[in-house]
Amino acid sequence: MTKIQYINPNKLYIAQNAEVSLKLAGNTAQVTFTAGKNKECPIKNLSKDEFVALSTGEVKKLFILKRIIQMLNI
């Protein structure tokens, strides 16, 4: 669900080099931007069945769609 938030334009700061998208519809303007981009993957695959969460170092099982379907007996 999208959260709609109205912001006082005098309190809004967008950096000059920020990537912004603008959508216009009648008298409404929608501006969207992100504070930064995620350039690193938070996980690393160890094998076809396991991966490690880099933030915690925890090794977890990789659930592939085939296994999920088999568990649900679809």
C-alpha atoms as a PDB file:
ATOM      1  CA  MET A   1       0.000   0.000   0.000  1.00  0.00           C
ATOM      2  CA  THR A   2       1.305   3.436  -0.907  1.00  0.00           C
ATOM      3  CA  LYS A   3       1.553   5.958   1.872  1.00  0.00           C
ATOM      4  CA  ILE A   4       0.582   9.472   0.842  1.00  0.00           C
ATOM      5  CA  GLN A   5       2.399  12.160   2.719  1.00  0.00           C
ATOM      6  CA  TYR A   6       1.976  15.893   2.286  1.00  0.00           C
ATOM      7  CA  ILE A   7       5.140  17.865   2.966  1.00  0.00           C
ATOM      8  CA  ASN A   8       5.614  21.566   3.441  1.00  0.00           C
ATOM      9  CA  PRO A   9       7.704  22.512   0.374  1.00  0.00           C
ATOM     10  CA  ASN A  10       9.691  25.025   2.443  1.00  0.00           C
ATOM     11  CA  LYS A  11      11.023  22.166   4.623  1.00  0.00           C
ATOM     12  CA  LEU A  12      11.877  19.834   1.745  1.00  0.00           C
ATOM     13  CA  TYR A  13      15.480  19.458   0.599  1.00  0.00           C
ATOM     14  CA  ILE A  14      16.472  17.513  -2.510  1.00  0.00           C
ATOM     15  CA  ALA A  15      20.152  17.430  -3.463  1.00  0.00           C
ATOM     16  CA  GLN A  16      21.017  18.883  -6.863  1.00  0.00           C
ATOM     17  CA  ASN A  17      22.493  15.596  -8.108  1.00  0.00           C
ATOM     18  CA  ALA A  18      19.544  13.441  -6.891  1.00  0.00           C
ATOM     19  CA  GLU A  19      17.609  11.392  -9.446  1.00  0.00           C
ATOM     20  CA  VAL A  20      13.989  12.511  -9.356  1.00  0.00           C
ATOM     21  CA  SER A  21      10.864  11.448 -11.225  1.00  0.00           C
ATOM     22  CA  LEU A  22       7.951  13.802 -11.780  1.00  0.00           C
ATOM     23  CA  LYS A  23       4.407  12.812 -12.749  1.00  0.00           C
ATOM     24  CA  LEU A  24       1.826  15.439 -13.582  1.00  0.00           C
ATOM     25  CA  ALA A  25      -1.919  14.785 -13.550  1.00  0.00           C
ATOM     26  CA  GLY A  26      -4.122  17.852 -13.765  1.00  0.00           C
ATOM     27  CA  ASN A  27      -3.305  20.110 -10.835  1.00  0.00           C
ATOM     28  CA  THR A  28      -1.402  17.381  -8.953  1.00  0.00           C
ATOM     29  CA  ALA A  29       2.345  16.819  -9.156  1.00  0.00           C
ATOM     30  CA  GLN A  30       3.990  13.697  -7.761  1.00  0.00           C
ATOM     31  CA  VAL A  31       7.722  13.903  -7.099  1.00  0.00           C
ATOM     32  CA  THR A  32       9.568  10.750  -6.049  1.00  0.00           C
ATOM     33  CA  PHE A  33      13.205  10.271  -5.155  1.00  0.00           C
ATOM     34  CA  THR A  34      15.338   8.025  -2.984  1.00  0.00           C
ATOM     35  CA  ALA A  35      17.955   9.075  -0.492  1.00  0.00           C
ATOM     36  CA  GLY A  36      20.459   6.602  -1.920  1.00  0.00           C
ATOM     37  CA  LYS A  37      20.900   3.471  -3.950  1.00  0.00           C
ATOM     38  CA  ASN A  38      21.670   0.035  -2.615  1.00  0.00           C
ATOM     39  CA  LYS A  39      24.845  -0.936  -4.452  1.00  0.00           C
ATOM     40  CA  GLU A  40      25.636  -4.103  -2.495  1.00  0.00           C
ATOM     41  CA  CYS A  41      23.731  -7.352  -2.301  1.00  0.00           C
ATOM     42  CA  PRO A  42      22.877  -8.203   1.345  1.00  0.00           C
ATOM     43  CA  ILE A  43      23.388 -11.952   0.750  1.00  0.00           C
ATOM     44  CA  LYS A  44      26.011 -14.217  -0.836  1.00  0.00           C
ATOM     45  CA  ASN A  45      25.254 -17.659  -2.220  1.00  0.00           C
ATOM     46  CA  LEU A  46      27.350 -20.461  -0.774  1.00  0.00           C
ATOM     47  CA  SER A  47      25.823 -23.319  -2.750  1.00  0.00           C
ATOM     48  CA  LYS A  48      22.593 -24.058  -4.575  1.00  0.00           C
ATOM     49  CA  ASP A  49      20.944 -24.755  -1.202  1.00  0.00           C
ATOM     50  CA  GLU A  50      22.519 -22.227   1.186  1.00  0.00           C
ATOM     51  CA  PHE A  51      23.379 -18.547   1.443  1.00  0.00           C
ATOM     52  CA  VAL A  52      24.941 -16.281   4.059  1.00  0.00           C
ATOM     53  CA  ALA A  53      23.347 -13.037   5.253  1.00  0.00           C
ATOM     54  CA  LEU A  54      26.280 -10.607   5.151  1.00  0.00           C
ATOM     55  CA  SER A  55      24.811  -8.315   7.812  1.00  0.00           C
ATOM     56  CA  THR A  56      24.675 -11.074  10.449  1.00  0.00           C
ATOM     57  CA  GLY A  57      26.960 -13.820   9.077  1.00  0.00           C
ATOM     58  CA  GLU A  58      24.106 -16.306   9.496  1.00  0.00           C
ATOM     59  CA  VAL A  59      23.938 -19.235   7.059  1.00  0.00           C
ATOM     60  CA  LYS A  60      20.398 -19.934   5.853  1.00  0.00           C
ATOM     61  CA  LYS A  61      18.682 -22.366   3.523  1.00  0.00           C
ATOM     62  CA  LEU A  62      17.715 -21.078   0.103  1.00  0.00           C
ATOM     63  CA  PHE A  63      14.064 -21.671  -0.728  1.00  0.00           C
ATOM     64  CA  ILE A  64      13.507 -22.076  -4.423  1.00  0.00           C
ATOM     65  CA  LEU A  65      10.045 -21.825  -5.926  1.00  0.00           C
ATOM     66  CA  LYS A  66      10.087 -25.539  -6.845  1.00  0.00           C
ATOM     67  CA  ARG A  67      10.602 -26.501  -3.196  1.00  0.00           C
ATOM     68  CA  ILE A  68       7.847 -24.180  -2.042  1.00  0.00           C
ATOM     69  CA  ILE A  69       5.439 -25.709  -4.552  1.00  0.00           C
ATOM     70  CA  GLN A  70       6.441 -29.209  -3.409  1.00  0.00           C
ATOM     71  CA  MET A  71       5.855 -28.261   0.230  1.00  0.00           C
ATOM     72  CA  LEU A  72       2.390 -26.931  -0.644  1.00  0.00           C
ATOM     73  CA  ASN A  73       1.645 -30.031  -2.793  1.00  0.00           C
ATOM     74  CA  ILE A  74       0.378 -27.955  -5.693  1.00  0.00           C
END
